[in-house]
Amino acid sequence: MAKRDGFASSFGVLVAMAGSAVGLGNLWRFPYLVGTNGGAAFIIIYLAIVFILAMPIMYSEFIIGRRAQSNVYGAFRELAPGSGWGIIGAMAILCCILVVSFYSVVGGWTLDYLFKGLTFQFTSDTAALGGMFDKTVTANWRPLIFMLLFIGSAGAILLSGVKDGIEKYSKVLMPLLFVMVVIIAVRSVTLPGAGAGMDFLFKPNWSAVTANTFLDALGQAFFSLSVGFGIIFTYASYVKKDENLISMSIKTASADTLFAIIAGVAIMPAVFSFGISPGQGPGLVFVTLPYVFSQIPFGGVLAIIFFFVLYVAAVTSAISLLEVVVAYVIEEFRLSRKIAVVSTVALVVVLGVFCSLSQGVLSDVKIFGNNIFDLFDKFSANILMPLGALLVVLFAGWKMKMADFTDEITSGGLHKVNPLYLKIILFSVRYMAPLIIAVIMIRSLI
């Protein structure tokens, strides 16, 4: 069997992991959650949850993935042969297929709006912009074309492999993404009345903190750090044995959080400068911000930069989701990467067509009260992802040999781990994480 591909450098691992974590949600959901849950108070709570609870779960996935040196399904067959733990891998693969199917539709919207920006179609008429977004979403053919372009660009990167594809392009795209967001942030904070947006993000308001604040922070941390998708397993299997898993996890979480905060600075001051409500979800990105850009000097250029940023954030996340499935197909069915990528992309395209059309001509088709797009979204986010994370920590904490757990987290003794911190990690993996994930699942289902 041919030698497995892998990352060539620590920086390559970091930017690839950051690419999987940084997505569309960072650009509007995180800033909104910060503002409506106590500003800086939410950020403090979020950071505590990331580094106390979410990080040990990341460690678990890193440890299992690198230990097995296999795809997410094969990892559990390797570490627990003859058991039923492989169901975790099967769930992760299904989750990635469902998520990337509807995510590619949204990715297509970002490309469509990038084209609209390049052809200067944005106006100051909010009604016209609202109609533009409705047509973008509900049309039959146009969103399908841009979805194909989006998923095709992700597939083209994956064809080159891990080192020459994922790592190579991530090294270019992620720093470029960061620079462009900073450029928008600098322009945003110089607008009249931008201070209100900064207060929205960073002024502590502990009176706004409720039990839901903690649950919102938990959900955002899990989703943003790609916990429960199988992405970390897959990428970890490409990581060299001498890499420091704790350091890598901390850097990934820090980069993701920093990007989310800068994205908030890029968006919210501009939104408040024009007296617009920040809690509009996709409407904020595709309707309100084009209006804002049309009102400021060099707004046309900023609109192009912004929607290119959206596209890059979306495509790097799509790459990581697709790679989980591609790695499985390559190793379990002994197929070439080319065939694995083409077949995976073809499956996603078919499902993506139904997701896209469910916003328009198939909107009356309901399954459990949801259209196809929303069904894929809710089933993956509310069931597959948290259940997968729950089973992962149970496997790492109770099934996996502690000698193997410790050997991986210390990289065979190359990197020392404070004994107290190791105990905290084990306590979180065995007891705290399962309890909190169960709470999240119950809340999501209710």
Protein backbone atom coordinates (compact mmCIF):
# COMPACT_ATOMS: atom_id res chain seq x y z
CA MET A 1 0.00 0.00 0.00
CA ALA A 2 1.29 3.47 -0.87
CA LYS A 3 2.56 5.68 1.91
CA ARG A 4 -0.10 7.95 3.35
CA ASP A 5 0.07 11.62 2.49
CA GLY A 6 0.56 14.07 5.35
CA PHE A 7 1.31 17.61 6.44
CA ALA A 8 4.87 18.77 5.90
CA SER A 9 5.08 21.43 8.62
CA SER A 10 3.58 22.64 11.89
CA PHE A 11 2.43 25.84 10.20
CA GLY A 12 0.69 23.77 7.53
CA VAL A 13 -1.24 21.87 10.20
CA LEU A 14 -2.17 25.12 11.96
CA VAL A 15 -3.53 26.91 8.86
CA ALA A 16 -5.37 23.79 7.69
CA MET A 17 -7.01 23.37 11.11
CA ALA A 18 -7.79 27.08 11.25
CA GLY A 19 -9.32 26.80 7.80
CA SER A 20 -11.65 24.05 9.00
CA ALA A 21 -12.67 26.10 12.05
CA VAL A 22 -13.05 29.53 10.42
CA GLY A 23 -16.30 29.65 8.48
CA LEU A 24 -19.33 31.74 7.68
CA GLY A 25 -20.56 31.52 11.28
CA ASN A 26 -17.52 33.44 12.52
CA LEU A 27 -18.43 36.36 10.30
CA TRP A 28 -21.88 37.07 11.72
CA ARG A 29 -23.05 34.55 14.36
CA PHE A 30 -20.19 35.00 16.82
CA PRO A 31 -20.34 38.83 16.84
CA TYR A 32 -24.12 38.69 17.30
CA LEU A 33 -23.86 36.24 20.20
CA VAL A 34 -21.23 38.45 21.84
CA GLY A 35 -23.42 41.53 21.61
CA THR A 36 -26.64 39.93 22.82
CA ASN A 37 -25.06 37.97 25.69
CA GLY A 38 -23.16 40.61 27.62
CA GLY A 39 -20.41 41.76 25.25
CA ALA A 40 -17.01 41.12 26.79
CA ALA A 41 -18.73 39.02 29.46
CA PHE A 42 -19.69 36.51 26.76
CA ILE A 43 -16.13 36.50 25.37
CA ILE A 44 -14.76 35.66 28.83
CA ILE A 45 -17.27 32.83 29.25
CA TYR A 46 -16.61 31.60 25.72
CA LEU A 47 -12.84 31.52 26.22
CA ALA A 48 -13.23 29.65 29.51
CA ILE A 49 -15.42 27.03 27.83
CA VAL A 50 -13.04 26.70 24.87
CA PHE A 51 -9.93 26.10 26.96
CA ILE A 52 -11.48 24.14 29.84
CA LEU A 53 -14.07 22.00 28.09
CA ALA A 54 -13.78 22.09 24.29
CA MET A 55 -10.00 21.74 24.23
CA PRO A 56 -9.96 18.34 25.99
CA ILE A 57 -12.45 17.09 23.40
CA MET A 58 -10.14 18.35 20.66
CA TYR A 59 -7.27 16.55 22.38
CA SER A 60 -9.34 13.35 22.35
CA GLU A 61 -9.96 13.56 18.62
CA PHE A 62 -6.33 14.47 17.91
CA ILE A 63 -5.12 11.57 20.03
CA ILE A 64 -7.40 8.97 18.44
CA GLY A 65 -6.72 10.20 14.89
CA ARG A 66 -2.94 10.35 15.16
CA ARG A 67 -2.74 7.10 17.12
CA ALA A 68 -4.64 5.17 14.48
CA GLN A 69 -3.07 6.90 11.43
CA SER A 70 -6.26 6.14 9.55
CA ASN A 71 -9.51 7.65 8.33
CA VAL A 72 -12.25 8.38 10.86
CA TYR A 73 -13.96 5.00 10.35
CA GLY A 74 -10.77 2.95 10.19
CA ALA A 75 -9.42 4.63 13.32
CA PHE A 76 -11.89 2.87 15.59
CA ARG A 77 -11.46 -0.44 13.79
CA GLU A 78 -7.73 -0.07 14.38
CA LEU A 79 -7.94 0.87 18.06
CA ALA A 80 -10.96 -1.24 19.04
CA PRO A 81 -11.19 -4.19 16.61
CA GLY A 82 -14.32 -6.27 16.71
CA SER A 83 -16.28 -3.66 18.66
CA GLY A 84 -19.16 -1.41 17.70
CA TRP A 85 -17.22 1.84 18.15
CA GLY A 86 -16.91 2.21 14.39
CA ILE A 87 -20.38 3.73 14.50
CA ILE A 88 -18.65 6.99 15.53
CA GLY A 89 -16.78 7.08 12.24
CA ALA A 90 -19.89 6.24 10.22
CA MET A 91 -21.80 9.06 11.94
CA ALA A 92 -18.97 11.52 11.30
CA ILE A 93 -18.88 10.66 7.59
CA LEU A 94 -22.65 11.04 7.28
CA CYS A 95 -22.50 14.33 9.19
CA CYS A 96 -19.84 15.73 6.84
CA ILE A 97 -21.81 14.69 3.74
CA LEU A 98 -24.99 16.36 5.00
CA VAL A 99 -23.25 19.53 6.17
CA VAL A 100 -21.18 20.08 3.03
CA SER A 101 -24.27 19.44 0.88
CA PHE A 102 -26.20 22.41 2.26
CA TYR A 103 -23.04 24.40 3.05
CA SER A 104 -22.04 24.27 -0.63
CA VAL A 105 -25.34 25.96 -1.49
CA VAL A 106 -24.49 28.85 0.84
CA GLY A 107 -20.96 28.84 -0.57
CA GLY A 108 -22.52 29.26 -3.99
CA TRP A 109 -24.39 32.32 -2.72
CA THR A 110 -21.07 33.88 -1.66
CA LEU A 111 -19.65 33.35 -5.16
CA ASP A 112 -22.81 34.79 -6.70
CA TYR A 113 -22.48 37.90 -4.52
CA LEU A 114 -18.80 38.17 -5.34
CA PHE A 115 -19.84 38.28 -9.01
CA LYS A 116 -22.49 40.88 -8.17
CA GLY A 117 -19.83 42.96 -6.40
CA LEU A 118 -17.45 42.70 -9.36
CA THR A 119 -20.21 43.91 -11.68
CA PHE A 120 -21.29 46.68 -9.25
CA GLN A 121 -24.90 45.51 -8.85
CA PHE A 122 -25.33 46.68 -5.24
CA THR A 123 -27.53 49.72 -4.65
CA SER A 124 -28.74 51.81 -1.70
CA ASP A 125 -32.31 50.53 -2.20
CA THR A 126 -32.84 48.02 0.62
CA ALA A 127 -36.03 46.69 -0.97
CA ALA A 128 -34.12 45.96 -4.18
CA LEU A 129 -31.34 44.27 -2.20
CA GLY A 130 -33.91 42.15 -0.37
CA GLY A 131 -35.44 41.13 -3.67
CA MET A 132 -31.97 40.35 -5.02
CA PHE A 133 -31.29 37.97 -2.12
CA ASP A 134 -34.69 36.26 -2.50
CA LYS A 135 -34.02 35.68 -6.20
CA THR A 136 -30.51 34.41 -5.43
CA VAL A 137 -31.87 31.82 -3.01
CA THR A 138 -35.07 30.71 -4.71
CA ALA A 139 -34.05 30.66 -8.39
CA ASN A 140 -33.85 27.27 -10.08
CA TRP A 141 -30.66 27.38 -12.16
CA ARG A 142 -28.47 30.29 -11.04
CA PRO A 143 -27.76 29.00 -7.48
CA LEU A 144 -27.04 25.54 -8.91
CA ILE A 145 -24.41 26.96 -11.25
CA PHE A 146 -22.63 28.83 -8.47
CA MET A 147 -22.91 25.82 -6.15
CA LEU A 148 -21.14 23.74 -8.80
CA LEU A 149 -18.41 26.37 -9.13
CA PHE A 150 -17.99 26.45 -5.36
CA ILE A 151 -17.82 22.72 -4.74
CA GLY A 152 -15.72 22.29 -7.88
CA SER A 153 -13.09 24.71 -6.57
CA ALA A 154 -12.93 22.79 -3.29
CA GLY A 155 -12.62 19.50 -5.15
CA ALA A 156 -9.85 20.86 -7.36
CA ILE A 157 -7.76 21.67 -4.28
CA LEU A 158 -8.36 18.21 -2.82
CA LEU A 159 -7.19 16.52 -6.03
CA SER A 160 -3.65 17.65 -5.24
CA GLY A 161 -3.61 15.79 -1.93
CA VAL A 162 -2.83 16.82 1.64
CA LYS A 163 0.64 18.37 1.36
CA ASP A 164 0.33 19.79 -2.17
CA GLY A 165 -3.37 20.58 -1.92
CA ILE A 166 -4.85 21.28 1.51
CA GLU A 167 -1.62 22.50 3.13
CA LYS A 168 -0.33 24.45 0.13
CA TYR A 169 -3.55 26.38 -0.49
CA SER A 170 -4.28 26.90 3.22
CA LYS A 171 -0.88 28.57 3.63
CA VAL A 172 -1.95 31.15 1.04
CA LEU A 173 -5.68 31.48 1.68
CA MET A 174 -5.71 31.76 5.48
CA PRO A 175 -3.14 34.61 5.81
CA LEU A 176 -4.88 36.36 2.88
CA LEU A 177 -8.21 35.93 4.63
CA PHE A 178 -6.82 37.45 7.83
CA VAL A 179 -5.32 40.46 6.03
CA MET A 180 -8.53 41.22 4.14
CA VAL A 181 -10.66 41.04 7.28
CA VAL A 182 -8.25 43.44 9.00
CA ILE A 183 -8.56 45.87 6.07
CA ILE A 184 -12.36 45.85 6.39
CA ALA A 185 -12.09 46.22 10.18
CA VAL A 186 -9.88 49.30 9.87
CA ARG A 187 -12.39 50.94 7.52
CA SER A 188 -15.33 49.93 9.70
CA VAL A 189 -14.01 51.48 12.94
CA THR A 190 -13.35 54.81 11.18
CA LEU A 191 -17.03 55.30 10.25
CA PRO A 192 -19.11 57.89 12.14
CA GLY A 193 -20.87 56.29 15.11
CA ALA A 194 -18.71 53.17 14.97
CA GLY A 195 -18.16 53.40 18.73
CA ALA A 196 -21.64 51.99 19.35
CA GLY A 197 -20.66 48.85 17.45
CA MET A 198 -17.49 48.49 19.52
CA ASP A 199 -19.55 48.86 22.71
CA PHE A 200 -21.92 46.19 21.39
CA LEU A 201 -18.98 43.80 21.07
CA PHE A 202 -16.71 44.60 23.98
CA LYS A 203 -18.52 46.45 26.76
CA PRO A 204 -19.13 43.96 29.61
CA ASN A 205 -22.77 43.70 30.60
CA TRP A 206 -23.04 40.96 33.20
CA SER A 207 -26.75 41.65 33.69
CA ALA A 208 -27.36 40.24 30.20
CA VAL A 209 -25.74 36.91 31.15
CA THR A 210 -28.25 34.07 31.65
CA ALA A 211 -28.19 30.28 31.58
CA ASN A 212 -28.74 30.50 27.82
CA THR A 213 -25.54 32.57 27.56
CA PHE A 214 -23.52 29.56 28.72
CA LEU A 215 -25.40 27.23 26.37
CA ASP A 216 -24.86 29.65 23.45
CA ALA A 217 -21.15 29.81 24.26
CA LEU A 218 -20.97 26.01 24.46
CA GLY A 219 -22.73 25.51 21.16
CA GLN A 220 -20.59 28.11 19.40
CA ALA A 221 -17.37 26.63 20.80
CA PHE A 222 -18.23 23.10 19.69
CA PHE A 223 -19.39 24.10 16.22
CA SER A 224 -16.61 26.61 15.57
CA LEU A 225 -13.83 24.23 16.61
CA SER A 226 -15.18 21.45 14.34
CA VAL A 227 -15.78 19.08 17.26
CA GLY A 228 -17.85 16.03 16.29
CA PHE A 229 -17.37 16.24 12.50
CA GLY A 230 -14.47 13.82 12.10
CA ILE A 231 -12.35 16.64 10.68
CA ILE A 232 -9.91 16.67 13.59
CA PHE A 233 -9.56 12.85 13.41
CA THR A 234 -8.75 13.00 9.73
CA TYR A 235 -6.32 15.90 9.88
CA ALA A 236 -4.66 14.41 12.99
CA SER A 237 -3.95 11.22 11.08
CA TYR A 238 -1.77 13.32 8.74
CA VAL A 239 0.18 14.92 11.61
CA LYS A 240 3.74 13.81 12.37
CA LYS A 241 4.35 11.93 15.59
CA ASP A 242 6.68 14.58 17.01
CA GLU A 243 4.12 17.42 16.78
CA ASN A 244 2.88 18.85 20.10
CA LEU A 245 -0.85 18.16 20.12
CA ILE A 246 -1.63 20.44 23.05
CA SER A 247 0.22 23.38 21.51
CA MET A 248 -1.42 22.75 18.15
CA SER A 249 -4.90 22.62 19.67
CA ILE A 250 -4.37 25.81 21.66
CA LYS A 251 -3.06 27.66 18.59
CA THR A 252 -6.01 26.48 16.49
CA ALA A 253 -8.55 27.58 19.09
CA SER A 254 -6.76 30.92 19.56
CA ALA A 255 -6.61 31.61 15.81
CA ASP A 256 -10.28 30.78 15.39
CA THR A 257 -11.34 33.02 18.28
CA LEU A 258 -9.11 35.88 17.14
CA PHE A 259 -10.58 35.73 13.64
CA ALA A 260 -14.13 35.75 15.02
CA ILE A 261 -13.39 38.84 17.13
CA ILE A 262 -11.73 40.70 14.24
CA ALA A 263 -14.69 39.75 12.03
CA GLY A 264 -16.95 41.32 14.64
CA VAL A 265 -14.88 44.51 14.51
CA ALA A 266 -15.14 44.45 10.71
CA ILE A 267 -18.92 44.10 10.67
CA MET A 268 -20.62 45.53 13.76
CA PRO A 269 -19.24 49.11 13.81
CA ALA A 270 -20.41 49.54 10.19
CA VAL A 271 -23.81 48.06 11.00
CA PHE A 272 -24.29 50.39 13.99
CA SER A 273 -22.95 53.36 12.07
CA PHE A 274 -26.02 53.09 9.83
CA GLY A 275 -28.45 52.27 12.63
CA ILE A 276 -29.14 48.71 11.47
CA SER A 277 -30.14 45.77 13.67
CA PRO A 278 -27.28 43.23 13.95
CA GLY A 279 -29.43 40.14 14.54
CA GLN A 280 -30.49 39.39 10.98
CA GLY A 281 -28.55 36.20 10.26
CA PRO A 282 -27.98 35.63 6.52
CA GLY A 283 -29.89 38.84 5.82
CA LEU A 284 -27.14 40.79 7.58
CA VAL A 285 -24.52 39.38 5.22
CA PHE A 286 -26.43 39.37 1.94
CA VAL A 287 -28.79 42.34 2.30
CA THR A 288 -27.65 44.80 4.97
CA LEU A 289 -23.90 44.82 4.33
CA PRO A 290 -24.24 45.43 0.55
CA TYR A 291 -26.37 48.45 1.52
CA VAL A 292 -23.66 49.64 3.93
CA PHE A 293 -20.96 49.23 1.28
CA SER A 294 -23.02 51.27 -1.18
CA GLN A 295 -23.05 54.18 1.28
CA ILE A 296 -19.34 54.58 2.01
CA PRO A 297 -16.33 55.73 -0.05
CA PHE A 298 -14.59 52.82 -1.79
CA GLY A 299 -17.52 50.66 -0.69
CA GLY A 300 -17.58 48.87 -4.03
CA VAL A 301 -14.02 47.67 -3.51
CA LEU A 302 -14.74 46.69 0.09
CA ALA A 303 -17.78 44.71 -1.06
CA ILE A 304 -15.60 42.70 -3.45
CA ILE A 305 -13.05 42.06 -0.70
CA PHE A 306 -15.76 41.10 1.80
CA PHE A 307 -17.47 38.54 -0.41
CA PHE A 308 -14.13 37.10 -1.43
CA VAL A 309 -13.43 36.73 2.30
CA LEU A 310 -16.76 34.93 2.68
CA TYR A 311 -15.89 32.61 -0.21
CA VAL A 312 -12.44 31.77 1.17
CA ALA A 313 -13.86 31.11 4.65
CA ALA A 314 -16.51 28.85 3.16
CA VAL A 315 -14.24 26.94 0.79
CA THR A 316 -11.57 26.15 3.43
CA SER A 317 -14.31 24.70 5.64
CA ALA A 318 -15.75 22.73 2.72
CA ILE A 319 -12.31 21.29 1.97
CA SER A 320 -11.99 19.90 5.49
CA LEU A 321 -15.49 18.39 5.40
CA LEU A 322 -14.87 16.75 2.03
CA GLU A 323 -11.48 15.37 3.07
CA VAL A 324 -13.12 13.32 5.84
CA VAL A 325 -15.15 11.46 3.21
CA VAL A 326 -12.35 11.33 0.64
CA ALA A 327 -9.92 9.75 3.13
CA TYR A 328 -12.55 7.13 4.01
CA VAL A 329 -13.19 6.26 0.35
CA ILE A 330 -9.47 6.03 -0.47
CA GLU A 331 -8.55 3.76 2.43
CA GLU A 332 -11.65 1.61 2.80
CA PHE A 333 -12.31 1.00 -0.90
CA ARG A 334 -8.66 1.16 -2.08
CA LEU A 335 -9.41 3.80 -4.70
CA SER A 336 -7.18 6.56 -6.07
CA ARG A 337 -7.53 10.07 -4.71
CA LYS A 338 -8.84 11.26 -8.06
CA ILE A 339 -11.70 8.75 -8.09
CA ALA A 340 -12.42 9.36 -4.40
CA VAL A 341 -12.62 13.14 -4.85
CA VAL A 342 -14.74 12.96 -8.01
CA SER A 343 -17.18 10.45 -6.51
CA THR A 344 -17.48 12.41 -3.24
CA VAL A 345 -18.03 15.70 -5.05
CA ALA A 346 -20.61 14.03 -7.32
CA LEU A 347 -22.57 12.77 -4.30
CA VAL A 348 -22.46 16.22 -2.68
CA VAL A 349 -23.61 17.86 -5.91
CA VAL A 350 -26.65 15.58 -6.15
CA LEU A 351 -27.64 16.26 -2.52
CA GLY A 352 -26.79 19.94 -2.91
CA VAL A 353 -29.18 20.23 -5.86
CA PHE A 354 -32.06 19.08 -3.64
CA CYS A 355 -30.93 21.43 -0.84
CA SER A 356 -30.84 24.37 -3.25
CA LEU A 357 -34.16 23.61 -4.91
CA SER A 358 -35.78 23.17 -1.49
CA GLN A 359 -35.43 26.94 -1.12
CA GLY A 360 -37.54 27.44 -4.23
CA VAL A 361 -39.40 24.99 -6.44
CA LEU A 362 -39.23 22.18 -3.84
CA SER A 363 -40.06 24.39 -0.86
CA ASP A 364 -43.36 22.57 -0.34
CA VAL A 365 -41.58 19.23 0.15
CA LYS A 366 -41.40 18.76 3.92
CA ILE A 367 -39.75 16.01 5.95
CA PHE A 368 -40.56 16.14 9.67
CA GLY A 369 -41.79 19.67 9.06
CA ASN A 370 -38.54 20.87 7.44
CA ASN A 371 -37.46 21.44 3.88
CA ILE A 372 -34.44 19.43 2.74
CA PHE A 373 -31.95 22.23 3.41
CA ASP A 374 -33.16 22.75 6.99
CA LEU A 375 -33.47 19.00 7.61
CA PHE A 376 -29.80 18.43 6.75
CA ASP A 377 -28.84 21.39 8.91
CA LYS A 378 -30.84 20.41 12.00
CA PHE A 379 -30.13 16.66 11.85
CA SER A 380 -26.38 17.22 11.62
CA ALA A 381 -26.19 20.05 14.17
CA ASN A 382 -28.67 18.74 16.74
CA ILE A 383 -28.07 14.99 16.58
CA LEU A 384 -25.04 13.75 14.63
CA MET A 385 -22.48 16.32 15.78
CA PRO A 386 -23.19 16.33 19.55
CA LEU A 387 -23.79 12.56 19.66
CA GLY A 388 -20.52 11.99 17.82
CA ALA A 389 -18.66 14.24 20.27
CA LEU A 390 -20.26 12.40 23.20
CA LEU A 391 -19.17 8.99 21.91
CA VAL A 392 -15.67 10.31 21.19
CA VAL A 393 -15.03 11.44 24.76
CA LEU A 394 -16.50 8.22 26.12
CA PHE A 395 -14.15 6.22 23.89
CA ALA A 396 -11.09 8.33 24.75
CA GLY A 397 -11.87 8.44 28.47
CA TRP A 398 -13.08 4.91 29.14
CA LYS A 399 -12.25 2.58 26.23
CA MET A 400 -8.82 3.77 25.05
CA LYS A 401 -5.79 2.57 27.00
CA MET A 402 -4.46 5.33 29.25
CA ALA A 403 -0.94 4.42 28.22
CA ASP A 404 -1.84 5.17 24.60
CA PHE A 405 -3.70 8.35 25.62
CA THR A 406 -0.68 9.65 27.56
CA ASP A 407 1.82 8.55 24.91
CA GLU A 408 0.02 10.54 22.20
CA ILE A 409 -0.61 13.66 24.22
CA THR A 410 3.08 13.81 25.15
CA SER A 411 4.23 12.74 21.65
CA GLY A 412 6.01 9.72 23.02
CA GLY A 413 7.51 11.72 25.89
CA LEU A 414 8.97 14.45 23.64
CA HIS A 415 6.66 17.12 25.11
CA LYS A 416 6.11 17.31 28.85
CA VAL A 417 2.60 17.90 30.17
CA ASN A 418 1.98 19.31 33.62
CA PRO A 419 0.61 16.41 35.72
CA LEU A 420 -2.14 18.61 37.16
CA TYR A 421 -3.24 19.72 33.69
CA LEU A 422 -3.24 16.10 32.52
CA LYS A 423 -5.57 15.23 35.42
CA ILE A 424 -7.84 18.14 34.46
CA ILE A 425 -7.93 16.89 30.86
CA LEU A 426 -8.82 13.37 31.94
CA PHE A 427 -11.51 14.62 34.36
CA SER A 428 -13.04 16.76 31.63
CA VAL A 429 -12.94 13.96 29.06
CA ARG A 430 -14.39 11.34 31.40
CA TYR A 431 -16.96 13.29 33.37
CA MET A 432 -17.49 16.97 32.53
CA ALA A 433 -17.60 16.77 28.74
CA PRO A 434 -20.14 13.90 28.53
CA LEU A 435 -22.46 15.69 30.95
CA ILE A 436 -22.28 19.04 29.15
CA ILE A 437 -22.69 17.49 25.69
CA ALA A 438 -25.77 15.63 26.94
CA VAL A 439 -27.22 18.95 28.17
CA ILE A 440 -26.55 20.55 24.76
CA MET A 441 -28.25 17.64 22.97
CA ILE A 442 -31.33 17.82 25.18
CA ARG A 443 -31.56 21.58 24.74
CA SER A 444 -31.18 21.28 20.95
CA LEU A 445 -33.85 18.59 20.68
CA ILE A 446 -36.29 20.49 22.89
